[in-house]
Amino acid sequence: MNLKSDCLSCLLNQSLRVAKNLNFDEKTAKNMMQVASESIANYGEVSPPVAAADLYPKLASFSDGNDVYKTLKELSTVEALKLLPSVESKVHSVLDAIKAAVAGNVIDFATPNHFDLNTEFEKVFETSFAIDHSEEFLKKLEEVKSFMIIGDNVGEHVFDKLLLEAITERYPNISLYYAVRGRPIINDVTLLEANELGIDEVATVVDSGVPTPGLDYDYASEDFMKLYRSMDLVIAKGMGNYECLEAVKDKRIFHLFKVKCDVVAHDVGEALGSLIFMQNKLA
């Protein structure tokens, strides 16, 4: 899915949020926003994640490191872990764990609309998916030998681990994999956060190699793509992965996310705030 006009203003707003998060003085913030504006004005027919992969290193160059949301990612994990015991008590099936995983998708620093994590978990188990292909997914899960989650955001990954645990408990013979970004980008999960959480205790954690906040095949490593193509079934978490993968026509992929912007809402034909669990389009 290529950039729309709304995406350009979103990228500019993201840049401003980065400046505020890093507590830049006014001069530095204005200089950074100027660089961001010039970059955003020149983006052509690329997906939002590809544009972000170009933009965020430029924003990070104004700071001392390459991870502009490092502290907030750590806090997101802490807050998610506080909620985990109460969420675990409500998970009695793989479908329940899928609901927990999609509720975690609200932890996103790249979207114009923000949702409260506590509120999401209060209502998610009683909320229906606006697009619901869970029956097809669960049917396929009965038959497969390998399964991969393409991760999205830090904090959210706490509930991805819960989903992996639910699957391995119900289907102990399935080989499980968890794919992460190749470097820090926005608040997306990397090897560092996945292994700190212990996802490697329940699944094989793999570095996709991508610098994009979504799995763009052109940026993924050859080793990852070889493994990825061998998977029987895939859940792609979040809108960034949807923006990269919605057009690849691969029936193995199921998208799991909360609609957090008008562009994606229009693309899937559902309202802002809707929960989506849909098999990848084949036409």
Protein backbone atom coordinates (compact mmCIF):
# COMPACT_ATOMS: atom_id res chain seq x y z
CA MET A 1 0.00 0.00 0.00
CA ASN A 2 1.58 3.24 -1.12
CA LEU A 3 1.63 6.58 0.69
CA LYS A 4 -1.52 8.68 0.63
CA SER A 5 -1.64 12.43 1.32
CA ASP A 6 -2.75 11.71 4.91
CA CYS A 7 0.39 9.60 5.37
CA LEU A 8 2.61 12.59 4.63
CA SER A 9 1.04 14.68 7.38
CA CYS A 10 1.24 11.66 9.68
CA LEU A 11 4.98 11.34 9.06
CA LEU A 12 5.44 15.02 9.83
CA ASN A 13 3.46 14.67 13.06
CA GLN A 14 5.55 11.64 13.98
CA SER A 15 8.65 13.78 13.54
CA LEU A 16 7.29 16.37 15.91
CA ARG A 17 6.48 13.69 18.50
CA VAL A 18 10.07 12.44 18.26
CA ALA A 19 11.39 15.96 18.88
CA LYS A 20 9.14 16.34 21.92
CA ASN A 21 10.01 12.86 23.23
CA LEU A 22 13.72 13.71 23.03
CA ASN A 23 13.14 17.07 24.75
CA PHE A 24 14.92 19.05 22.04
CA ASP A 25 15.30 22.78 22.43
CA GLU A 26 13.35 24.92 19.96
CA LYS A 27 16.29 25.46 17.59
CA THR A 28 17.11 21.75 17.34
CA ALA A 29 13.45 20.83 16.96
CA LYS A 30 12.98 23.32 14.13
CA ASN A 31 16.12 22.08 12.36
CA MET A 32 14.91 18.49 12.66
CA MET A 33 11.44 19.39 11.40
CA GLN A 34 13.00 21.15 8.41
CA VAL A 35 14.94 18.00 7.51
CA ALA A 36 11.80 15.93 7.98
CA SER A 37 9.72 18.28 5.80
CA GLU A 38 12.24 18.19 2.96
CA SER A 39 12.44 14.40 3.07
CA ILE A 40 8.67 13.86 3.26
CA ALA A 41 8.10 16.22 0.30
CA ASN A 42 10.20 13.96 -1.91
CA TYR A 43 8.65 10.57 -1.10
CA GLY A 44 7.14 9.01 -4.18
CA GLU A 45 5.27 5.76 -4.73
CA VAL A 46 6.49 3.88 -1.66
CA SER A 47 4.73 2.32 1.30
CA PRO A 48 4.52 4.19 4.63
CA PRO A 49 7.01 1.75 6.26
CA VAL A 50 9.58 2.34 3.50
CA ALA A 51 9.21 6.10 3.94
CA ALA A 52 9.60 5.70 7.72
CA ALA A 53 12.77 3.65 7.24
CA ASP A 54 14.28 6.61 5.40
CA LEU A 55 12.94 9.24 7.77
CA TYR A 56 13.69 7.86 11.24
CA PRO A 57 17.48 7.56 10.88
CA LYS A 58 17.49 11.23 9.87
CA LEU A 59 15.51 12.09 13.00
CA ALA A 60 17.81 9.93 15.13
CA SER A 61 20.87 11.75 13.76
CA PHE A 62 19.88 14.72 15.94
CA SER A 63 20.21 12.55 19.06
CA ASP A 64 22.98 10.51 20.65
CA GLY A 65 21.69 7.10 19.51
CA ASN A 66 19.70 5.31 16.85
CA ASP A 67 16.73 4.34 19.03
CA VAL A 68 14.58 7.43 19.54
CA TYR A 69 11.96 5.62 21.64
CA LYS A 70 14.27 3.43 23.74
CA THR A 71 12.99 4.68 27.10
CA LEU A 72 9.34 4.60 26.09
CA LYS A 73 9.74 1.05 24.74
CA GLU A 74 11.08 -0.04 28.11
CA LEU A 75 8.14 1.63 29.85
CA SER A 76 5.69 -0.02 27.44
CA THR A 77 7.03 -3.42 28.40
CA VAL A 78 6.79 -2.63 32.10
CA GLU A 79 3.16 -1.51 31.75
CA ALA A 80 2.25 -4.53 29.63
CA LEU A 81 3.78 -6.91 32.16
CA LYS A 82 1.70 -5.30 34.91
CA LEU A 83 -1.44 -6.20 32.96
CA LEU A 84 -0.30 -9.69 32.00
CA PRO A 85 -1.57 -11.63 35.07
CA SER A 86 -5.13 -10.32 34.69
CA VAL A 87 -5.06 -10.94 30.93
CA GLU A 88 -3.72 -14.48 31.41
CA SER A 89 -6.65 -15.26 33.70
CA LYS A 90 -9.03 -14.54 30.80
CA VAL A 91 -7.20 -16.61 28.19
CA HIS A 92 -8.66 -20.11 27.97
CA SER A 93 -8.17 -20.83 24.27
CA VAL A 94 -6.07 -19.91 21.24
CA LEU A 95 -8.84 -17.53 20.13
CA ASP A 96 -8.73 -15.77 23.51
CA ALA A 97 -4.97 -15.40 23.10
CA ILE A 98 -5.49 -13.91 19.63
CA LYS A 99 -7.82 -11.34 21.19
CA ALA A 100 -5.18 -10.50 23.81
CA ALA A 101 -2.57 -10.11 21.07
CA VAL A 102 -4.72 -7.71 19.05
CA ALA A 103 -5.49 -5.63 22.16
CA GLY A 104 -1.74 -5.21 22.63
CA ASN A 105 -1.57 -3.68 19.15
CA VAL A 106 -2.75 -0.34 20.58
CA ILE A 107 0.83 0.28 21.78
CA ASP A 108 1.96 2.28 18.75
CA PHE A 109 3.90 5.56 18.59
CA ALA A 110 3.50 5.99 14.82
CA THR A 111 -0.26 6.49 14.50
CA PRO A 112 -2.33 9.69 14.70
CA ASN A 113 -4.93 8.08 16.98
CA HIS A 114 -4.06 6.60 20.35
CA PHE A 115 -5.96 4.15 22.55
CA ASP A 116 -5.67 3.23 26.22
CA LEU A 117 -4.23 -0.23 26.90
CA ASN A 118 -6.21 -0.80 30.09
CA THR A 119 -9.46 0.13 28.35
CA GLU A 120 -8.69 -2.21 25.45
CA PHE A 121 -8.28 -5.20 27.74
CA GLU A 122 -11.47 -4.35 29.63
CA LYS A 123 -13.51 -4.81 26.46
CA VAL A 124 -11.51 -6.86 23.95
CA PHE A 125 -12.76 -10.31 24.99
CA GLU A 126 -16.36 -9.15 24.41
CA THR A 127 -15.60 -7.27 21.18
CA SER A 128 -16.08 -8.97 17.82
CA PHE A 129 -13.61 -8.67 14.97
CA ALA A 130 -14.98 -6.36 12.26
CA ILE A 131 -13.35 -8.72 9.77
CA ASP A 132 -13.19 -12.18 11.28
CA HIS A 133 -11.34 -15.01 9.57
CA SER A 134 -10.54 -16.75 12.85
CA GLU A 135 -12.45 -19.89 11.86
CA GLU A 136 -10.31 -20.29 8.74
CA PHE A 137 -7.14 -19.62 10.74
CA LEU A 138 -7.95 -22.13 13.48
CA LYS A 139 -8.81 -24.74 10.87
CA LYS A 140 -5.42 -24.24 9.21
CA LEU A 141 -3.67 -24.33 12.59
CA GLU A 142 -4.94 -27.89 13.06
CA GLU A 143 -3.02 -28.97 9.94
CA VAL A 144 0.28 -27.08 9.87
CA LYS A 145 3.77 -28.01 11.01
CA SER A 146 5.25 -24.50 11.16
CA PHE A 147 3.89 -21.12 12.20
CA MET A 148 5.37 -17.61 12.38
CA ILE A 149 4.27 -14.37 13.99
CA ILE A 150 5.73 -11.28 12.35
CA GLY A 151 6.02 -8.99 15.36
CA ASP A 152 5.14 -5.33 15.51
CA ASN A 153 5.60 -3.16 18.60
CA VAL A 154 7.38 -3.42 21.93
CA GLY A 155 4.94 -3.95 24.80
CA GLU A 156 2.59 -5.60 22.35
CA HIS A 157 5.17 -8.39 22.13
CA VAL A 158 4.28 -9.39 25.71
CA PHE A 159 0.92 -10.56 24.41
CA ASP A 160 2.44 -12.11 21.30
CA LYS A 161 4.36 -14.36 23.65
CA LEU A 162 1.09 -15.26 25.36
CA LEU A 163 -0.34 -16.27 21.97
CA LEU A 164 2.71 -18.39 21.19
CA GLU A 165 2.36 -20.10 24.58
CA ALA A 166 -1.32 -20.83 23.94
CA ILE A 167 -0.51 -22.34 20.53
CA THR A 168 2.31 -24.53 21.82
CA GLU A 169 0.11 -25.77 24.66
CA ARG A 170 -2.67 -26.74 22.26
CA TYR A 171 -0.44 -27.84 19.35
CA PRO A 172 2.91 -28.97 20.82
CA ASN A 173 4.15 -30.39 17.51
CA ILE A 174 4.05 -27.10 15.60
CA SER A 175 7.43 -25.38 15.16
CA LEU A 176 6.98 -21.74 16.24
CA TYR A 177 8.89 -18.70 15.00
CA TYR A 178 8.80 -15.01 15.93
CA ALA A 179 10.16 -12.47 13.43
CA VAL A 180 11.51 -9.06 14.49
CA ARG A 181 12.90 -5.95 12.80
CA GLY A 182 16.54 -5.75 11.81
CA ARG A 183 17.21 -2.49 13.68
CA PRO A 184 15.40 -0.03 15.96
CA ILE A 185 12.63 1.77 14.07
CA ILE A 186 9.86 3.71 15.86
CA ASN A 187 8.80 1.41 18.74
CA ASP A 188 9.03 -1.86 16.81
CA VAL A 189 10.35 -5.02 18.39
CA THR A 190 13.92 -6.18 17.69
CA LEU A 191 15.99 -9.14 18.84
CA LEU A 192 16.93 -7.22 21.97
CA GLU A 193 13.39 -6.83 23.32
CA ALA A 194 12.20 -10.24 22.16
CA ASN A 195 15.04 -12.06 23.91
CA GLU A 196 14.84 -9.89 27.04
CA LEU A 197 11.21 -10.97 27.36
CA GLY A 198 12.08 -14.64 26.83
CA ILE A 199 10.17 -15.19 23.61
CA ASP A 200 13.08 -17.43 22.63
CA GLU A 201 11.90 -19.84 25.35
CA VAL A 202 8.71 -20.59 23.43
CA ALA A 203 9.65 -19.88 19.79
CA THR A 204 12.68 -19.42 17.55
CA VAL A 205 13.25 -15.67 17.35
CA VAL A 206 14.49 -14.58 13.92
CA ASP A 207 15.87 -11.28 12.66
CA SER A 208 14.09 -10.38 9.42
CA GLY A 209 16.81 -7.91 8.53
CA VAL A 210 14.33 -5.19 7.59
CA PRO A 211 14.91 -1.56 8.62
CA THR A 212 11.23 -0.89 7.87
CA PRO A 213 8.37 -0.89 10.42
CA GLY A 214 6.72 -3.62 8.36
CA LEU A 215 8.00 -6.67 6.52
CA ASP A 216 9.08 -5.35 3.14
CA TYR A 217 10.47 -8.28 1.15
CA ASP A 218 12.95 -6.05 -0.71
CA TYR A 219 14.72 -5.23 2.56
CA ALA A 220 14.60 -8.64 4.25
CA SER A 221 17.69 -10.86 4.42
CA GLU A 222 18.01 -13.87 2.12
CA ASP A 223 18.27 -16.24 5.08
CA PHE A 224 15.08 -14.85 6.58
CA MET A 225 13.16 -15.02 3.31
CA LYS A 226 14.19 -18.64 2.83
CA LEU A 227 12.83 -19.49 6.28
CA TYR A 228 9.73 -17.33 5.81
CA ARG A 229 8.82 -18.98 2.52
CA SER A 230 8.98 -22.38 4.24
CA MET A 231 6.33 -21.42 6.83
CA ASP A 232 2.94 -23.10 6.62
CA LEU A 233 1.05 -20.31 8.36
CA VAL A 234 1.79 -16.68 9.31
CA ILE A 235 0.21 -13.98 11.47
CA ALA A 236 1.37 -10.48 10.52
CA LYS A 237 0.82 -8.14 13.46
CA GLY A 238 -0.03 -4.48 13.05
CA MET A 239 -0.73 -1.95 10.33
CA GLY A 240 2.89 -1.63 9.18
CA ASN A 241 3.00 -5.29 8.23
CA TYR A 242 -0.41 -4.92 6.59
CA GLU A 243 0.82 -1.95 4.53
CA CYS A 244 3.76 -4.02 3.28
CA LEU A 245 1.99 -7.35 2.74
CA GLU A 246 -1.63 -6.66 1.77
CA ALA A 247 -0.83 -6.90 -1.95
CA VAL A 248 1.43 -9.98 -1.99
CA LYS A 249 -1.48 -12.42 -2.55
CA ASP A 250 -0.29 -15.03 -0.07
CA LYS A 251 -3.06 -17.07 1.56
CA ARG A 252 -0.73 -18.21 4.37
CA ILE A 253 -0.82 -14.72 5.88
CA PHE A 254 -3.45 -13.57 8.37
CA HIS A 255 -3.39 -9.90 9.40
CA LEU A 256 -4.09 -9.08 13.05
CA PHE A 257 -4.40 -5.43 14.05
CA LYS A 258 -6.49 -2.58 15.40
CA VAL A 259 -7.41 0.10 12.84
CA LYS A 260 -5.64 3.24 14.05
CA CYS A 261 -5.70 5.55 11.03
CA ASP A 262 -8.18 6.68 8.39
CA VAL A 263 -6.05 5.46 5.47
CA VAL A 264 -6.06 1.84 6.66
CA ALA A 265 -9.71 2.16 7.73
CA HIS A 266 -10.59 3.10 4.15
CA ASP A 267 -8.44 0.33 2.71
CA VAL A 268 -10.06 -2.45 4.76
CA GLY A 269 -13.51 -0.86 4.65
CA GLU A 270 -13.99 -0.74 8.41
CA ALA A 271 -14.26 2.00 11.03
CA LEU A 272 -11.43 3.57 12.99
CA GLY A 273 -10.87 1.48 16.13
CA SER A 274 -12.09 -1.77 14.56
CA LEU A 275 -10.37 -5.07 15.28
CA ILE A 276 -9.21 -6.95 12.20
CA PHE A 277 -8.28 -10.62 11.79
CA MET A 278 -8.28 -11.20 8.06
CA GLN A 279 -6.68 -13.57 5.64
CA ASN A 280 -4.49 -11.86 3.08
CA LYS A 281 -6.26 -10.75 -0.09
CA LEU A 282 -5.83 -13.07 -3.04
CA ALA A 283 -7.22 -10.69 -5.68
